């Protein structure tokens, strides 16, 4: 059964050691959408960013988000509408920055080798699995710990803190 947090999206498959400078090069650092958004995926060929649609997932291998810990890339992800990120492993600061921004992250050791870029999947961020639209195969993901899932459900750390302020 599909949850209310299931949506059909496409995946952009990236490799191992995806550096934040590829995801959002330093020359696009800023605080406004106009300054930050043009840098989204600017370390890749221009057609990659042009093909990305809000809601699409990023899928990678080991050490996803290594490199800079600056948060401008998180702003770019939010402005671009990244629907979530699935990888074998994440750089720790990248992982927490995304959780704090309300961007769902999950682990899967081989998904980046099983899917192809722009393939459609149904992503269920409540049951934490993806279903390949082409085959109907459901692939379980390892979700974040429960306390981080509560932050994601609230929409990010600031929203979570506002909901839980006393």
N, C-alpha and C. Protein backbone atom coordinates (compact mmCIF):
# COMPACT_ATOMS: atom_id res chain seq x y z
N UNK A 1 0.85 -1.19 0.00
CA UNK A 1 0.00 0.00 0.00
C UNK A 1 0.88 1.24 0.00
N UNK A 2 0.49 2.22 -0.78
CA UNK A 2 1.26 3.45 -0.89
C UNK A 2 0.85 4.41 0.22
N UNK A 3 1.81 5.07 0.81
CA UNK A 3 1.52 6.06 1.85
C UNK A 3 1.23 7.40 1.20
N UNK A 4 0.76 8.32 2.01
CA UNK A 4 0.50 9.67 1.49
C UNK A 4 1.79 10.41 1.16
N UNK A 5 2.93 9.86 1.59
CA UNK A 5 4.22 10.48 1.27
C UNK A 5 4.92 9.77 0.11
N UNK A 6 4.15 9.06 -0.72
CA UNK A 6 4.70 8.41 -1.89
C UNK A 6 4.47 9.31 -3.09
N UNK A 7 5.51 9.47 -3.90
CA UNK A 7 5.38 10.26 -5.12
C UNK A 7 6.26 9.65 -6.20
N UNK A 8 5.80 9.75 -7.44
CA UNK A 8 6.59 9.25 -8.57
C UNK A 8 7.52 10.36 -9.02
N UNK A 9 8.80 10.04 -9.06
CA UNK A 9 9.84 11.01 -9.40
C UNK A 9 10.87 10.33 -10.29
N UNK A 10 11.81 11.10 -10.75
CA UNK A 10 12.93 10.55 -11.51
C UNK A 10 14.18 10.60 -10.64
N UNK A 11 15.18 9.82 -11.03
CA UNK A 11 16.43 9.81 -10.29
C UNK A 11 17.56 10.31 -11.18
N UNK A 12 18.44 11.06 -10.58
CA UNK A 12 19.70 11.44 -11.22
C UNK A 12 20.77 10.63 -10.53
N UNK A 13 21.38 9.69 -11.25
CA UNK A 13 22.36 8.80 -10.67
C UNK A 13 23.75 9.40 -10.82
N UNK A 14 24.43 9.56 -9.69
CA UNK A 14 25.79 10.08 -9.64
C UNK A 14 26.68 8.97 -9.09
N UNK A 15 27.94 9.17 -9.00
CA UNK A 15 28.85 8.09 -8.60
C UNK A 15 29.31 8.18 -7.16
N UNK A 16 30.51 7.68 -6.94
CA UNK A 16 31.15 7.75 -5.64
C UNK A 16 31.84 9.10 -5.47
N UNK A 17 32.06 9.48 -4.22
CA UNK A 17 32.81 10.69 -3.88
C UNK A 17 32.28 11.93 -4.59
N UNK A 18 30.97 12.10 -4.55
CA UNK A 18 30.35 13.28 -5.16
C UNK A 18 30.63 14.48 -4.27
N UNK A 19 31.42 15.39 -4.78
CA UNK A 19 31.90 16.55 -4.04
C UNK A 19 30.86 17.67 -4.09
N UNK A 20 30.72 18.38 -2.99
CA UNK A 20 29.78 19.51 -2.96
C UNK A 20 30.16 20.58 -3.98
N UNK A 21 31.42 20.66 -4.35
CA UNK A 21 31.83 21.64 -5.36
C UNK A 21 31.33 21.27 -6.75
N UNK A 22 30.97 20.01 -6.98
CA UNK A 22 30.31 19.62 -8.23
C UNK A 22 28.81 19.90 -8.14
N UNK A 23 28.24 19.61 -6.98
CA UNK A 23 26.81 19.82 -6.78
C UNK A 23 26.45 21.30 -6.78
N UNK A 24 27.36 22.12 -6.26
CA UNK A 24 27.14 23.56 -6.19
C UNK A 24 28.50 24.25 -6.04
N UNK A 25 29.12 24.66 -7.17
CA UNK A 25 30.46 25.25 -7.12
C UNK A 25 30.52 26.53 -6.27
N UNK A 26 31.68 26.79 -5.67
CA UNK A 26 31.84 27.93 -4.76
C UNK A 26 31.51 29.29 -5.37
N UNK A 27 31.67 29.44 -6.67
CA UNK A 27 31.40 30.76 -7.26
C UNK A 27 29.92 31.16 -7.19
N UNK A 28 29.06 30.23 -6.78
CA UNK A 28 27.63 30.52 -6.67
C UNK A 28 27.16 30.69 -5.23
N UNK A 29 28.09 30.82 -4.31
CA UNK A 29 27.70 30.99 -2.92
C UNK A 29 26.95 32.31 -2.76
N UNK A 30 25.96 32.28 -1.90
CA UNK A 30 25.15 33.47 -1.64
C UNK A 30 24.00 33.10 -0.74
N UNK A 31 23.11 34.06 -0.55
CA UNK A 31 21.96 33.83 0.31
C UNK A 31 20.63 33.93 -0.42
N UNK A 32 20.63 34.53 -1.59
CA UNK A 32 19.38 34.71 -2.32
C UNK A 32 19.20 33.62 -3.37
N UNK A 33 17.97 33.36 -3.72
CA UNK A 33 17.68 32.36 -4.75
C UNK A 33 18.34 32.74 -6.07
N UNK A 34 18.33 34.01 -6.40
CA UNK A 34 18.92 34.47 -7.66
C UNK A 34 20.43 34.20 -7.73
N UNK A 35 21.10 34.29 -6.60
CA UNK A 35 22.54 34.05 -6.57
C UNK A 35 22.88 32.56 -6.50
N UNK A 36 22.08 31.80 -5.78
CA UNK A 36 22.42 30.42 -5.46
C UNK A 36 21.92 29.41 -6.50
N UNK A 37 20.69 29.55 -6.95
CA UNK A 37 20.08 28.54 -7.81
C UNK A 37 20.85 28.27 -9.11
N UNK A 38 21.42 29.26 -9.78
CA UNK A 38 22.17 28.95 -11.01
C UNK A 38 23.35 28.00 -10.79
N UNK A 39 23.80 27.84 -9.57
CA UNK A 39 24.92 26.95 -9.28
C UNK A 39 24.52 25.50 -9.06
N UNK A 40 23.23 25.22 -8.99
CA UNK A 40 22.78 23.86 -8.74
C UNK A 40 23.25 22.93 -9.86
N UNK A 41 24.05 21.94 -9.50
CA UNK A 41 24.63 20.94 -10.42
C UNK A 41 25.55 21.57 -11.46
N UNK A 42 26.07 22.76 -11.19
CA UNK A 42 26.88 23.48 -12.18
C UNK A 42 28.25 22.85 -12.40
N UNK A 43 28.64 21.89 -11.59
CA UNK A 43 29.89 21.17 -11.81
C UNK A 43 29.74 20.02 -12.80
N UNK A 44 28.54 19.81 -13.28
CA UNK A 44 28.23 18.78 -14.27
C UNK A 44 27.92 19.44 -15.61
N UNK A 45 27.85 18.68 -16.69
CA UNK A 45 27.49 19.28 -17.98
C UNK A 45 26.14 20.01 -17.88
N UNK A 46 25.97 21.12 -18.58
CA UNK A 46 24.76 21.94 -18.46
C UNK A 46 23.45 21.18 -18.67
N UNK A 47 23.47 20.15 -19.50
CA UNK A 47 22.23 19.41 -19.75
C UNK A 47 21.74 18.64 -18.52
N UNK A 48 22.63 18.36 -17.58
CA UNK A 48 22.23 17.64 -16.37
C UNK A 48 21.31 18.53 -15.54
N UNK A 49 21.75 19.74 -15.24
CA UNK A 49 20.91 20.66 -14.46
C UNK A 49 19.64 21.03 -15.22
N UNK A 50 19.74 21.17 -16.53
CA UNK A 50 18.58 21.54 -17.33
C UNK A 50 17.51 20.45 -17.30
N UNK A 51 17.91 19.19 -17.17
CA UNK A 51 16.96 18.08 -17.17
C UNK A 51 16.33 17.85 -15.80
N UNK A 52 16.95 18.36 -14.74
CA UNK A 52 16.45 18.14 -13.38
C UNK A 52 15.12 18.85 -13.19
N UNK A 53 14.16 18.15 -12.57
CA UNK A 53 12.85 18.72 -12.26
C UNK A 53 12.62 18.69 -10.76
N UNK A 54 11.89 19.66 -10.21
CA UNK A 54 11.59 19.63 -8.79
C UNK A 54 10.99 18.28 -8.40
N UNK A 55 11.46 17.75 -7.29
CA UNK A 55 11.00 16.45 -6.80
C UNK A 55 11.93 15.31 -7.15
N UNK A 56 12.77 15.49 -8.18
CA UNK A 56 13.70 14.43 -8.56
C UNK A 56 14.62 14.09 -7.40
N UNK A 57 15.10 12.84 -7.40
CA UNK A 57 16.01 12.36 -6.37
C UNK A 57 17.44 12.34 -6.89
N UNK A 58 18.39 12.56 -6.01
CA UNK A 58 19.79 12.35 -6.31
C UNK A 58 20.17 11.00 -5.72
N UNK A 59 20.87 10.17 -6.50
CA UNK A 59 21.28 8.84 -6.05
C UNK A 59 22.77 8.72 -6.28
N UNK A 60 23.48 8.34 -5.23
CA UNK A 60 24.93 8.24 -5.34
C UNK A 60 25.48 7.03 -4.62
N UNK A 61 26.79 6.95 -4.62
CA UNK A 61 27.49 5.83 -4.01
C UNK A 61 28.09 6.19 -2.67
N UNK A 62 29.36 5.90 -2.53
CA UNK A 62 30.07 6.14 -1.28
C UNK A 62 30.48 7.62 -1.15
N UNK A 63 30.43 8.10 0.08
CA UNK A 63 30.96 9.42 0.42
C UNK A 63 30.25 10.55 -0.33
N UNK A 64 28.96 10.45 -0.45
CA UNK A 64 28.18 11.48 -1.14
C UNK A 64 28.22 12.77 -0.32
N UNK A 65 28.53 13.88 -0.96
CA UNK A 65 28.55 15.17 -0.29
C UNK A 65 29.86 15.51 0.39
N UNK A 66 30.94 14.85 -0.03
CA UNK A 66 32.24 15.18 0.54
C UNK A 66 32.65 16.59 0.08
N UNK A 67 33.61 17.16 0.73
CA UNK A 67 34.10 18.48 0.34
C UNK A 67 33.66 19.55 1.31
N UNK A 68 33.24 20.66 0.78
CA UNK A 68 32.91 21.83 1.58
C UNK A 68 31.73 21.57 2.51
N UNK A 69 31.77 22.21 3.66
CA UNK A 69 30.65 22.13 4.60
C UNK A 69 29.78 23.38 4.54
N UNK A 70 30.08 24.28 3.62
CA UNK A 70 29.26 25.49 3.51
C UNK A 70 27.84 25.13 3.12
N UNK A 71 26.89 25.89 3.60
CA UNK A 71 25.49 25.53 3.44
C UNK A 71 24.82 26.08 2.19
N UNK A 72 25.54 26.77 1.33
CA UNK A 72 24.91 27.31 0.12
C UNK A 72 24.37 26.20 -0.76
N UNK A 73 25.03 25.03 -0.77
CA UNK A 73 24.51 23.94 -1.59
C UNK A 73 23.15 23.47 -1.09
N UNK A 74 22.93 23.52 0.23
CA UNK A 74 21.63 23.12 0.76
C UNK A 74 20.55 24.09 0.28
N UNK A 75 20.86 25.38 0.28
CA UNK A 75 19.91 26.36 -0.26
C UNK A 75 19.61 26.05 -1.72
N UNK A 76 20.64 25.73 -2.49
CA UNK A 76 20.44 25.40 -3.90
C UNK A 76 19.55 24.17 -4.04
N UNK A 77 19.75 23.17 -3.20
CA UNK A 77 18.91 21.97 -3.25
C UNK A 77 17.46 22.31 -2.95
N UNK A 78 17.26 23.15 -1.94
CA UNK A 78 15.88 23.55 -1.60
C UNK A 78 15.24 24.35 -2.74
N UNK A 79 15.98 25.31 -3.28
CA UNK A 79 15.45 26.12 -4.38
C UNK A 79 15.16 25.27 -5.62
N UNK A 80 15.99 24.26 -5.88
CA UNK A 80 15.80 23.39 -7.05
C UNK A 80 14.72 22.35 -6.81
N UNK A 81 14.36 22.12 -5.54
CA UNK A 81 13.32 21.16 -5.22
C UNK A 81 13.78 19.73 -5.15
N UNK A 82 15.02 19.50 -4.72
CA UNK A 82 15.52 18.12 -4.57
C UNK A 82 14.56 17.36 -3.65
N UNK A 83 14.05 16.24 -4.15
CA UNK A 83 13.06 15.47 -3.40
C UNK A 83 13.65 14.52 -2.39
N UNK A 84 14.94 14.28 -2.45
CA UNK A 84 15.60 13.39 -1.52
C UNK A 84 16.92 12.92 -2.11
N UNK A 85 17.71 12.29 -1.26
CA UNK A 85 19.02 11.79 -1.68
C UNK A 85 19.18 10.39 -1.10
N UNK A 86 19.59 9.46 -1.96
CA UNK A 86 19.83 8.09 -1.53
C UNK A 86 21.27 7.76 -1.93
N UNK A 87 22.05 7.27 -0.98
CA UNK A 87 23.44 6.95 -1.27
C UNK A 87 23.92 5.80 -0.38
N UNK A 88 25.03 5.23 -0.78
CA UNK A 88 25.66 4.19 0.04
C UNK A 88 26.11 4.78 1.36
N UNK A 89 26.78 5.94 1.31
CA UNK A 89 27.21 6.64 2.52
C UNK A 89 27.33 8.12 2.22
N UNK A 90 27.27 8.91 3.29
CA UNK A 90 27.29 10.37 3.18
C UNK A 90 28.42 10.96 4.02
N UNK A 91 28.95 12.09 3.57
CA UNK A 91 29.81 12.90 4.42
C UNK A 91 28.93 13.42 5.56
N UNK A 92 29.44 13.36 6.78
CA UNK A 92 28.61 13.65 7.96
C UNK A 92 28.02 15.06 7.97
N UNK A 93 28.81 16.07 7.70
CA UNK A 93 28.27 17.44 7.75
C UNK A 93 27.23 17.62 6.65
N UNK A 94 27.48 17.07 5.47
CA UNK A 94 26.51 17.13 4.39
C UNK A 94 25.19 16.50 4.83
N UNK A 95 25.28 15.33 5.44
CA UNK A 95 24.10 14.60 5.90
C UNK A 95 23.26 15.45 6.85
N UNK A 96 23.91 16.01 7.86
CA UNK A 96 23.17 16.80 8.84
C UNK A 96 22.65 18.10 8.25
N UNK A 97 23.41 18.74 7.37
CA UNK A 97 22.91 19.96 6.72
C UNK A 97 21.63 19.67 5.95
N UNK A 98 21.59 18.54 5.25
CA UNK A 98 20.39 18.20 4.47
C UNK A 98 19.22 17.86 5.39
N UNK A 99 19.47 17.08 6.44
CA UNK A 99 18.40 16.78 7.41
C UNK A 99 17.87 18.08 8.00
N UNK A 100 18.76 18.97 8.41
CA UNK A 100 18.34 20.23 9.01
C UNK A 100 17.51 21.08 8.05
N UNK A 101 17.75 20.91 6.75
CA UNK A 101 17.00 21.65 5.74
C UNK A 101 15.71 20.92 5.34
N UNK A 102 15.49 19.73 5.89
CA UNK A 102 14.27 18.98 5.58
C UNK A 102 14.34 18.16 4.31
N UNK A 103 15.55 17.86 3.83
CA UNK A 103 15.72 17.06 2.62
C UNK A 103 15.92 15.61 3.04
N UNK A 104 14.99 14.72 2.67
CA UNK A 104 15.10 13.32 3.08
C UNK A 104 16.35 12.65 2.53
N UNK A 105 17.02 11.89 3.38
CA UNK A 105 18.17 11.09 2.99
C UNK A 105 17.96 9.66 3.46
N UNK A 106 18.40 8.71 2.63
CA UNK A 106 18.34 7.30 3.00
C UNK A 106 19.58 6.60 2.46
N UNK A 107 19.87 5.46 3.04
CA UNK A 107 21.02 4.67 2.61
C UNK A 107 20.58 3.45 1.80
N UNK A 108 21.35 3.15 0.78
CA UNK A 108 21.24 1.88 0.06
C UNK A 108 22.61 1.62 -0.56
N UNK A 109 23.19 0.44 -0.35
CA UNK A 109 24.56 0.22 -0.78
C UNK A 109 24.78 0.13 -2.29
N UNK A 110 23.76 -0.24 -3.06
CA UNK A 110 24.00 -0.48 -4.48
C UNK A 110 22.99 0.20 -5.41
N UNK A 111 22.09 1.00 -4.90
CA UNK A 111 21.05 1.57 -5.74
C UNK A 111 21.62 2.36 -6.91
N UNK A 112 22.73 3.03 -6.68
CA UNK A 112 23.35 3.82 -7.74
C UNK A 112 23.89 2.96 -8.87
N UNK A 113 24.03 1.68 -8.63
CA UNK A 113 24.46 0.75 -9.68
C UNK A 113 23.29 0.03 -10.32
N UNK A 114 22.12 0.14 -9.72
CA UNK A 114 20.94 -0.57 -10.20
C UNK A 114 20.02 0.31 -11.05
N UNK A 115 20.03 1.61 -10.81
CA UNK A 115 19.14 2.53 -11.53
C UNK A 115 19.92 3.28 -12.60
N UNK A 116 19.19 3.87 -13.53
CA UNK A 116 19.80 4.72 -14.54
C UNK A 116 19.25 6.13 -14.40
N UNK A 117 20.03 7.11 -14.79
CA UNK A 117 19.57 8.50 -14.68
C UNK A 117 18.28 8.70 -15.44
N UNK A 118 17.38 9.42 -14.80
CA UNK A 118 16.08 9.84 -15.28
C UNK A 118 15.06 8.70 -15.30
N UNK A 119 15.43 7.55 -14.71
CA UNK A 119 14.46 6.47 -14.53
C UNK A 119 13.42 6.92 -13.51
N UNK A 120 12.17 6.51 -13.71
CA UNK A 120 11.11 6.85 -12.78
C UNK A 120 11.00 5.81 -11.67
N UNK A 121 10.84 6.31 -10.45
CA UNK A 121 10.59 5.47 -9.29
C UNK A 121 9.48 6.11 -8.46
N UNK A 122 8.81 5.28 -7.68
CA UNK A 122 7.89 5.79 -6.66
C UNK A 122 8.69 5.81 -5.36
N UNK A 123 8.86 6.97 -4.80
CA UNK A 123 9.63 7.15 -3.57
C UNK A 123 8.66 7.30 -2.42
N UNK A 124 8.76 6.41 -1.45
CA UNK A 124 7.91 6.46 -0.27
C UNK A 124 8.77 6.85 0.92
N UNK A 125 8.63 8.10 1.33
CA UNK A 125 9.45 8.61 2.43
C UNK A 125 8.83 8.33 3.80
N UNK A 126 7.75 7.57 3.83
CA UNK A 126 7.19 7.12 5.11
C UNK A 126 7.59 5.66 5.36
N UNK A 127 7.49 4.84 4.33
CA UNK A 127 7.88 3.43 4.45
C UNK A 127 9.35 3.22 4.08
N UNK A 128 9.98 4.24 3.55
CA UNK A 128 11.39 4.22 3.19
C UNK A 128 11.73 3.10 2.20
N UNK A 129 11.12 3.23 1.02
CA UNK A 129 11.49 2.37 -0.09
C UNK A 129 11.23 3.09 -1.41
N UNK A 130 11.85 2.58 -2.46
CA UNK A 130 11.55 3.04 -3.81
C UNK A 130 11.02 1.85 -4.59
N UNK A 131 10.12 2.13 -5.52
CA UNK A 131 9.59 1.11 -6.41
C UNK A 131 9.90 1.54 -7.83
N UNK A 132 10.58 0.68 -8.56
CA UNK A 132 10.89 0.98 -9.97
C UNK A 132 9.58 0.95 -10.76
N UNK A 133 9.27 2.04 -11.43
CA UNK A 133 8.04 2.12 -12.21
C UNK A 133 8.07 1.11 -13.35
N UNK A 134 9.23 0.92 -13.97
CA UNK A 134 9.34 0.04 -15.14
C UNK A 134 9.12 -1.44 -14.81
N UNK A 135 9.46 -1.86 -13.58
CA UNK A 135 9.38 -3.28 -13.25
C UNK A 135 8.43 -3.59 -12.09
N UNK A 136 8.13 -2.59 -11.28
CA UNK A 136 7.33 -2.81 -10.08
C UNK A 136 8.11 -3.35 -8.91
N UNK A 137 9.42 -3.53 -9.07
CA UNK A 137 10.26 -4.04 -7.98
C UNK A 137 10.39 -2.98 -6.89
N UNK A 138 10.15 -3.40 -5.65
CA UNK A 138 10.29 -2.51 -4.51
C UNK A 138 11.63 -2.76 -3.85
N UNK A 139 12.35 -1.67 -3.60
CA UNK A 139 13.69 -1.73 -3.04
C UNK A 139 13.67 -1.02 -1.68
N UNK A 140 13.90 -1.78 -0.59
CA UNK A 140 13.91 -1.14 0.74
C UNK A 140 15.15 -0.28 0.93
N UNK A 141 14.96 0.81 1.65
CA UNK A 141 16.05 1.73 1.98
C UNK A 141 16.26 1.70 3.48
N UNK A 142 17.45 2.11 3.90
CA UNK A 142 17.71 2.28 5.33
C UNK A 142 17.46 3.74 5.66
N UNK A 143 16.44 4.01 6.46
CA UNK A 143 16.08 5.40 6.77
C UNK A 143 17.02 6.01 7.81
N UNK A 144 16.90 7.32 7.99
CA UNK A 144 17.62 7.95 9.10
C UNK A 144 17.04 7.45 10.43
N UNK A 145 17.79 7.63 11.51
CA UNK A 145 17.25 7.28 12.83
C UNK A 145 15.95 8.03 13.12
N UNK A 146 15.16 7.49 14.03
CA UNK A 146 13.83 8.03 14.34
C UNK A 146 13.85 9.51 14.70
N UNK A 147 14.84 9.95 15.49
CA UNK A 147 14.86 11.36 15.89
C UNK A 147 15.10 12.27 14.68
N UNK A 148 15.85 11.80 13.69
CA UNK A 148 16.06 12.61 12.48
C UNK A 148 14.84 12.56 11.57
N UNK A 149 14.12 11.44 11.59
CA UNK A 149 12.88 11.36 10.82
C UNK A 149 11.85 12.37 11.34
N UNK A 150 11.85 12.61 12.65
CA UNK A 150 10.93 13.62 13.21
C UNK A 150 11.29 15.01 12.70
N UNK A 151 12.58 15.29 12.57
CA UNK A 151 13.01 16.59 12.02
C UNK A 151 12.56 16.70 10.56
N UNK A 152 12.74 15.64 9.78
CA UNK A 152 12.31 15.64 8.38
C UNK A 152 10.80 15.83 8.27
N UNK A 153 10.04 15.13 9.11
CA UNK A 153 8.58 15.22 9.06
C UNK A 153 8.10 16.63 9.36
N UNK A 154 8.85 17.34 10.18
CA UNK A 154 8.48 18.73 10.52
C UNK A 154 8.85 19.70 9.41
N UNK A 155 9.72 19.27 8.48
CA UNK A 155 10.14 20.17 7.41
C UNK A 155 11.53 20.75 7.61
N UNK A 156 12.26 20.24 8.58
CA UNK A 156 13.61 20.73 8.86
C UNK A 156 13.77 21.09 10.32
N UNK A 157 15.00 21.39 10.70
CA UNK A 157 15.32 21.63 12.10
C UNK A 157 14.61 22.85 12.68
N UNK A 158 14.61 23.96 11.96
CA UNK A 158 13.96 25.16 12.50
C UNK A 158 12.47 24.94 12.69
N UNK A 159 11.82 24.28 11.75
CA UNK A 159 10.39 23.99 11.89
C UNK A 159 10.15 23.03 13.05
N UNK A 160 11.02 22.04 13.19
CA UNK A 160 10.93 21.09 14.30
C UNK A 160 11.05 21.82 15.64
N UNK A 161 12.03 22.70 15.76
CA UNK A 161 12.22 23.45 17.00
C UNK A 161 11.02 24.34 17.30
N UNK A 162 10.46 24.96 16.28
CA UNK A 162 9.29 25.81 16.47
C UNK A 162 8.08 24.99 16.95
N UNK A 163 7.93 23.80 16.40
CA UNK A 163 6.82 22.93 16.81
C UNK A 163 6.98 22.44 18.24
N UNK A 164 8.21 22.29 18.67
CA UNK A 164 8.48 21.71 19.98
C UNK A 164 8.92 22.73 21.03
N UNK A 165 8.77 24.01 20.73
CA UNK A 165 9.12 25.07 21.69
C UNK A 165 8.06 25.08 22.80
N UNK A 166 8.54 25.32 23.99
CA UNK A 166 7.59 25.38 25.10
C UNK A 166 7.58 26.73 25.73
